[in-house]
């Protein structure tokens, strides 16, 4: 297998609410790359007893050429890791027309929480390759 870059997603959470071990956050930002455009979403994250966050981010990218790409991200978030918090996740998309190719892409995500406020995620396509004998 190999990884092919798709886009970089950068966003902030301008609003958030907490209850018990869960948090609901509204996300706003932008992505740049093979998919570029404005991003909006919600993250309903649960916190494990070890402090690790389990994000469940649902969002939409309004591409610069007027298409809509929906996404769902799940994984692990460790915001207190120094010097920047870490995010490791998987991501799937739903789209039509020129972006329908994303419907068959399994994405992997590696990211950082910078300054405790800005989230920067590099999204790559996990490309299948034949296994060695």
C-alpha atoms as a PDB file:
ATOM      1  CA  UNK A   1       0.000   0.000   0.000  1.00  0.00           C
ATOM      2  CA  UNK A   2       1.021   3.612  -0.404  1.00  0.00           C
ATOM      3  CA  UNK A   3      -0.276   7.050   0.510  1.00  0.00           C
ATOM      4  CA  UNK A   4      -1.204   9.767  -2.005  1.00  0.00           C
ATOM      5  CA  UNK A   5      -1.846  13.323  -0.705  1.00  0.00           C
ATOM      6  CA  UNK A   6      -5.444  14.564  -1.075  1.00  0.00           C
ATOM      7  CA  UNK A   7      -5.651  17.843   0.821  1.00  0.00           C
ATOM      8  CA  UNK A   8      -4.745  19.770   3.966  1.00  0.00           C
ATOM      9  CA  UNK A   9      -7.699  20.711   6.164  1.00  0.00           C
ATOM     10  CA  UNK A  10      -7.191  23.605   8.585  1.00  0.00           C
ATOM     11  CA  UNK A  11      -9.942  24.688  10.954  1.00  0.00           C
ATOM     12  CA  UNK A  12     -10.924  26.067  14.354  1.00  0.00           C
ATOM     13  CA  UNK A  13     -13.807  25.455  16.715  1.00  0.00           C
ATOM     14  CA  UNK A  14     -15.524  28.831  17.288  1.00  0.00           C
ATOM     15  CA  UNK A  15     -18.210  27.244  19.515  1.00  0.00           C
ATOM     16  CA  UNK A  16     -18.218  24.217  21.824  1.00  0.00           C
ATOM     17  CA  UNK A  17     -20.394  22.658  24.526  1.00  0.00           C
ATOM     18  CA  UNK A  18     -19.483  20.058  27.181  1.00  0.00           C
ATOM     19  CA  UNK A  19     -21.609  17.458  28.963  1.00  0.00           C
ATOM     20  CA  UNK A  20     -20.281  14.563  31.019  1.00  0.00           C
ATOM     21  CA  UNK A  21     -17.407  13.018  28.985  1.00  0.00           C
ATOM     22  CA  UNK A  22     -18.562  14.401  25.652  1.00  0.00           C
ATOM     23  CA  UNK A  23     -18.061  17.598  23.724  1.00  0.00           C
ATOM     24  CA  UNK A  24     -19.953  19.052  20.755  1.00  0.00           C
ATOM     25  CA  UNK A  25     -17.905  21.446  18.637  1.00  0.00           C
ATOM     26  CA  UNK A  26     -18.750  23.486  15.530  1.00  0.00           C
ATOM     27  CA  UNK A  27     -15.857  23.634  13.048  1.00  0.00           C
ATOM     28  CA  UNK A  28     -15.015  26.279  10.433  1.00  0.00           C
ATOM     29  CA  UNK A  29     -12.055  26.337   8.087  1.00  0.00           C
ATOM     30  CA  UNK A  30     -10.644  25.539   4.689  1.00  0.00           C
ATOM     31  CA  UNK A  31      -8.957  22.752   2.768  1.00  0.00           C
ATOM     32  CA  UNK A  32      -6.350  23.040   0.008  1.00  0.00           C
ATOM     33  CA  UNK A  33      -5.082  20.411  -2.426  1.00  0.00           C
ATOM     34  CA  UNK A  34      -6.829  18.036  -4.840  1.00  0.00           C
ATOM     35  CA  UNK A  35      -9.966  19.173  -3.014  1.00  0.00           C
ATOM     36  CA  UNK A  36     -10.027  22.881  -2.148  1.00  0.00           C
ATOM     37  CA  UNK A  37     -12.778  24.902  -0.557  1.00  0.00           C
ATOM     38  CA  UNK A  38     -14.594  26.129   2.527  1.00  0.00           C
ATOM     39  CA  UNK A  39     -15.173  23.626   5.352  1.00  0.00           C
ATOM     40  CA  UNK A  40     -17.937  23.492   7.971  1.00  0.00           C
ATOM     41  CA  UNK A  41     -18.702  20.657  10.363  1.00  0.00           C
ATOM     42  CA  UNK A  42     -19.553  19.315  13.785  1.00  0.00           C
ATOM     43  CA  UNK A  43     -17.469  17.104  16.036  1.00  0.00           C
ATOM     44  CA  UNK A  44     -19.186  15.049  18.733  1.00  0.00           C
ATOM     45  CA  UNK A  45     -16.130  13.799  20.587  1.00  0.00           C
ATOM     46  CA  UNK A  46     -16.030  11.448  23.558  1.00  0.00           C
ATOM     47  CA  UNK A  47     -13.201  11.473  26.092  1.00  0.00           C
ATOM     48  CA  UNK A  48     -11.710   8.195  27.316  1.00  0.00           C
ATOM     49  CA  UNK A  49     -10.587   7.725  30.908  1.00  0.00           C
ATOM     50  CA  UNK A  50      -6.937   8.061  29.794  1.00  0.00           C
ATOM     51  CA  UNK A  51      -7.644  11.575  28.427  1.00  0.00           C
ATOM     52  CA  UNK A  52      -7.647  10.591  24.742  1.00  0.00           C
ATOM     53  CA  UNK A  53     -10.423  12.137  22.655  1.00  0.00           C
ATOM     54  CA  UNK A  54     -12.375  10.003  20.173  1.00  0.00           C
ATOM     55  CA  UNK A  55     -13.532  12.480  17.533  1.00  0.00           C
ATOM     56  CA  UNK A  56     -16.525  11.891  15.283  1.00  0.00           C
ATOM     57  CA  UNK A  57     -16.353  14.749  12.807  1.00  0.00           C
ATOM     58  CA  UNK A  58     -19.085  15.126  10.170  1.00  0.00           C
ATOM     59  CA  UNK A  59     -18.656  17.965   7.744  1.00  0.00           C
ATOM     60  CA  UNK A  60     -19.034  19.464   4.310  1.00  0.00           C
ATOM     61  CA  UNK A  61     -16.553  21.027   1.928  1.00  0.00           C
ATOM     62  CA  UNK A  62     -17.998  23.597  -0.448  1.00  0.00           C
ATOM     63  CA  UNK A  63     -15.394  23.354  -3.196  1.00  0.00           C
ATOM     64  CA  UNK A  64     -14.035  26.386  -4.992  1.00  0.00           C
ATOM     65  CA  UNK A  65     -15.766  25.175  -8.174  1.00  0.00           C
ATOM     66  CA  UNK A  66     -19.189  24.885  -6.480  1.00  0.00           C
ATOM     67  CA  UNK A  67     -19.429  21.165  -5.641  1.00  0.00           C
ATOM     68  CA  UNK A  68     -20.237  19.687  -2.221  1.00  0.00           C
ATOM     69  CA  UNK A  69     -18.154  16.960  -0.597  1.00  0.00           C
ATOM     70  CA  UNK A  70     -19.396  15.409   2.651  1.00  0.00           C
ATOM     71  CA  UNK A  71     -16.963  13.728   5.020  1.00  0.00           C
ATOM     72  CA  UNK A  72     -16.871  11.614   8.168  1.00  0.00           C
ATOM     73  CA  UNK A  73     -13.711  11.347  10.271  1.00  0.00           C
ATOM     74  CA  UNK A  74     -13.095   9.059  13.250  1.00  0.00           C
ATOM     75  CA  UNK A  75      -9.935   8.310  15.167  1.00  0.00           C
ATOM     76  CA  UNK A  76      -7.862   9.473  18.111  1.00  0.00           C
ATOM     77  CA  UNK A  77      -6.983  12.931  19.382  1.00  0.00           C
ATOM     78  CA  UNK A  78      -4.319  13.664  21.971  1.00  0.00           C
ATOM     79  CA  UNK A  79      -4.388  17.460  22.400  1.00  0.00           C
ATOM     80  CA  UNK A  80      -1.892  17.617  25.285  1.00  0.00           C
ATOM     81  CA  UNK A  81       1.028  15.911  23.512  1.00  0.00           C
ATOM     82  CA  UNK A  82       3.948  18.366  23.230  1.00  0.00           C
ATOM     83  CA  UNK A  83       4.812  20.451  21.322  1.00  0.00           C
ATOM     84  CA  UNK A  84       1.541  20.113  19.370  1.00  0.00           C
ATOM     85  CA  UNK A  85      -1.401  17.821  20.018  1.00  0.00           C
ATOM     86  CA  UNK A  86      -1.758  14.805  17.730  1.00  0.00           C
ATOM     87  CA  UNK A  87      -4.599  13.505  15.598  1.00  0.00           C
ATOM     88  CA  UNK A  88      -4.640  10.088  13.881  1.00  0.00           C
ATOM     89  CA  UNK A  89      -7.798   9.143  12.013  1.00  0.00           C
ATOM     90  CA  UNK A  90      -9.562   7.620   9.048  1.00  0.00           C
ATOM     91  CA  UNK A  91     -11.878   9.527   6.741  1.00  0.00           C
ATOM     92  CA  UNK A  92     -14.506   8.700   4.099  1.00  0.00           C
ATOM     93  CA  UNK A  93     -16.261  11.023   1.670  1.00  0.00           C
ATOM     94  CA  UNK A  94     -19.532  11.254  -0.259  1.00  0.00           C
ATOM     95  CA  UNK A  95     -19.688  13.324  -3.443  1.00  0.00           C
ATOM     96  CA  UNK A  96     -21.161  13.516  -6.944  1.00  0.00           C
ATOM     97  CA  UNK A  97     -20.063  14.483 -10.428  1.00  0.00           C
ATOM     98  CA  UNK A  98     -16.412  15.600 -10.681  1.00  0.00           C
ATOM     99  CA  UNK A  99     -15.678  14.419  -7.127  1.00  0.00           C
ATOM    100  CA  UNK A 100     -17.424  11.013  -7.298  1.00  0.00           C
ATOM    101  CA  UNK A 101     -13.988   9.332  -7.291  1.00  0.00           C
ATOM    102  CA  UNK A 102     -13.822  10.201  -3.564  1.00  0.00           C
ATOM    103  CA  UNK A 103     -16.688   7.761  -2.872  1.00  0.00           C
ATOM    104  CA  UNK A 104     -14.210   4.869  -3.198  1.00  0.00           C
ATOM    105  CA  UNK A 105     -11.307   6.418  -1.297  1.00  0.00           C
ATOM    106  CA  UNK A 106     -10.314   5.396   2.201  1.00  0.00           C
ATOM    107  CA  UNK A 107      -8.448   8.334   3.630  1.00  0.00           C
ATOM    108  CA  UNK A 108      -5.959   8.381   6.451  1.00  0.00           C
ATOM    109  CA  UNK A 109      -5.281  11.459   8.526  1.00  0.00           C
ATOM    110  CA  UNK A 110      -2.282  12.707  10.447  1.00  0.00           C
ATOM    111  CA  UNK A 111      -2.628  16.060  12.146  1.00  0.00           C
ATOM    112  CA  UNK A 112      -1.769  18.513  14.864  1.00  0.00           C
ATOM    113  CA  UNK A 113      -3.587  20.740  17.311  1.00  0.00           C
ATOM    114  CA  UNK A 114      -1.543  23.937  17.132  1.00  0.00           C
ATOM    115  CA  UNK A 115      -1.571  26.369  19.999  1.00  0.00           C
ATOM    116  CA  UNK A 116      -4.507  24.498  21.496  1.00  0.00           C
ATOM    117  CA  UNK A 117      -6.847  26.176  18.994  1.00  0.00           C
ATOM    118  CA  UNK A 118      -6.061  25.434  15.345  1.00  0.00           C
ATOM    119  CA  UNK A 119      -6.398  21.926  13.921  1.00  0.00           C
ATOM    120  CA  UNK A 120      -4.301  21.065  10.852  1.00  0.00           C
ATOM    121  CA  UNK A 121      -4.967  17.703   9.187  1.00  0.00           C
ATOM    122  CA  UNK A 122      -3.125  16.173   6.246  1.00  0.00           C
ATOM    123  CA  UNK A 123      -5.518  13.824   4.447  1.00  0.00           C
ATOM    124  CA  UNK A 124      -4.094  11.113   2.188  1.00  0.00           C
ATOM    125  CA  UNK A 125      -5.624   8.395   0.055  1.00  0.00           C
ATOM    126  CA  UNK A 126      -4.670   4.886   1.134  1.00  0.00           C
ATOM    127  CA  UNK A 127      -3.902   3.218  -2.212  1.00  0.00           C
ATOM    128  CA  UNK A 128      -4.233  -0.544  -2.549  1.00  0.00           C
ATOM    129  CA  UNK A 129      -1.285  -2.391  -4.065  1.00  0.00           C
ATOM    130  CA  UNK A 130      -0.872  -6.149  -4.590  1.00  0.00           C
ATOM    131  CA  UNK A 131       0.746  -7.973  -1.693  1.00  0.00           C
ATOM    132  CA  UNK A 132       4.177  -9.545  -2.106  1.00  0.00           C
ATOM    133  CA  UNK A 133       4.219 -13.327  -2.497  1.00  0.00           C
END
